[in-house]
């Protein structure tokens, strides 16, 4: 359709434009039907036997954040004091 007719039909809500996306999937050079498990740790046995040279290792992620330490609890007396303070504040 010409641009002028298309805009007129859109304005009157008689035309709906839809974008279709398609993908082509092909087997790559590293395609395999079996899932190879990657090693995550280097053990002393691997070093002694030299088997680490043939094993695939999982890449190390240096930008990953660790788990925060589970510490820092309120003292029981401070917890009671804050609860009492909240009660008195609610009472006015």
Protein backbone atom coordinates (compact mmCIF):
# COMPACT_ATOMS: atom_id res chain seq x y z
CA UNK A 1 0.00 0.00 0.00
CA UNK A 2 1.12 3.55 -0.56
CA UNK A 3 2.19 5.44 2.53
CA UNK A 4 -0.76 7.83 2.41
CA UNK A 5 -3.36 5.05 2.29
CA UNK A 6 -1.57 3.10 5.01
CA UNK A 7 -1.59 6.05 7.42
CA UNK A 8 -5.27 6.69 6.68
CA UNK A 9 -6.19 3.07 7.40
CA UNK A 10 -4.11 3.11 10.60
CA UNK A 11 -5.82 6.29 11.75
CA UNK A 12 -9.24 4.65 11.23
CA UNK A 13 -7.98 1.51 12.99
CA UNK A 14 -8.67 -0.65 9.96
CA UNK A 15 -5.06 -1.74 9.53
CA UNK A 16 -2.86 -3.60 11.95
CA UNK A 17 0.85 -3.93 11.19
CA UNK A 18 2.51 -7.08 12.50
CA UNK A 19 6.25 -7.76 12.51
CA UNK A 20 7.24 -11.38 12.03
CA UNK A 21 10.65 -12.63 13.09
CA UNK A 22 12.10 -15.92 11.97
CA UNK A 23 15.28 -17.75 12.90
CA UNK A 24 17.33 -20.40 11.14
CA UNK A 25 18.88 -23.00 13.40
CA UNK A 26 21.74 -25.16 12.17
CA UNK A 27 24.15 -27.54 13.80
CA UNK A 28 27.36 -25.79 14.78
CA UNK A 29 30.91 -27.11 14.72
CA UNK A 30 30.71 -28.09 18.42
CA UNK A 31 27.38 -29.97 18.06
CA UNK A 32 27.16 -33.17 20.05
CA UNK A 33 24.31 -35.41 21.15
CA UNK A 34 26.06 -36.24 24.43
CA UNK A 35 26.43 -33.67 27.20
CA UNK A 36 30.05 -33.45 28.34
CA UNK A 37 30.40 -32.64 32.02
CA UNK A 38 32.97 -29.95 32.67
CA UNK A 39 35.28 -30.27 35.64
CA UNK A 40 35.05 -27.60 38.33
CA UNK A 41 37.95 -28.55 40.62
CA UNK A 42 41.55 -29.55 40.08
CA UNK A 43 42.37 -32.45 42.41
CA UNK A 44 45.77 -33.78 43.47
CA UNK A 45 44.99 -37.07 41.68
CA UNK A 46 44.51 -35.21 38.38
CA UNK A 47 47.87 -33.50 38.81
CA UNK A 48 49.64 -36.76 39.73
CA UNK A 49 48.26 -38.70 36.77
CA UNK A 50 48.33 -35.79 34.30
CA UNK A 51 44.69 -36.39 33.32
CA UNK A 52 43.90 -32.69 33.79
CA UNK A 53 45.44 -31.93 30.37
CA UNK A 54 42.65 -33.76 28.50
CA UNK A 55 39.69 -32.67 30.68
CA UNK A 56 37.45 -29.69 29.85
CA UNK A 57 37.28 -27.24 32.76
CA UNK A 58 34.43 -24.87 33.49
CA UNK A 59 35.57 -21.22 33.09
CA UNK A 60 35.90 -19.31 36.36
CA UNK A 61 33.63 -16.28 36.81
CA UNK A 62 35.68 -13.59 38.56
CA UNK A 63 32.84 -11.04 38.50
CA UNK A 64 30.37 -13.24 40.44
CA UNK A 65 29.38 -11.99 43.87
CA UNK A 66 29.59 -14.33 46.82
CA UNK A 67 26.87 -15.01 49.35
CA UNK A 68 26.53 -12.37 52.05
CA UNK A 69 27.57 -13.60 55.50
CA UNK A 70 24.67 -14.66 57.72
CA UNK A 71 25.50 -12.59 60.78
CA UNK A 72 24.45 -9.45 62.61
CA UNK A 73 21.47 -10.15 64.88
CA UNK A 74 20.04 -7.77 67.44
CA UNK A 75 20.66 -8.44 71.09
CA UNK A 76 17.45 -9.74 72.76
CA UNK A 77 17.28 -6.73 75.11
CA UNK A 78 17.66 -4.30 72.21
CA UNK A 79 14.89 -6.14 70.38
CA UNK A 80 12.54 -5.80 73.40
CA UNK A 81 13.45 -2.13 73.77
CA UNK A 82 12.64 -1.40 70.11
CA UNK A 83 9.30 -3.25 70.45
CA UNK A 84 8.41 -1.21 73.56
CA UNK A 85 9.40 2.00 71.80
CA UNK A 86 7.14 1.08 68.86
CA UNK A 87 4.23 0.35 71.24
CA UNK A 88 4.64 3.72 72.99
CA UNK A 89 4.90 5.54 69.67
CA UNK A 90 1.64 3.94 68.50
CA UNK A 91 -0.03 4.99 71.77
CA UNK A 92 1.06 8.56 71.22
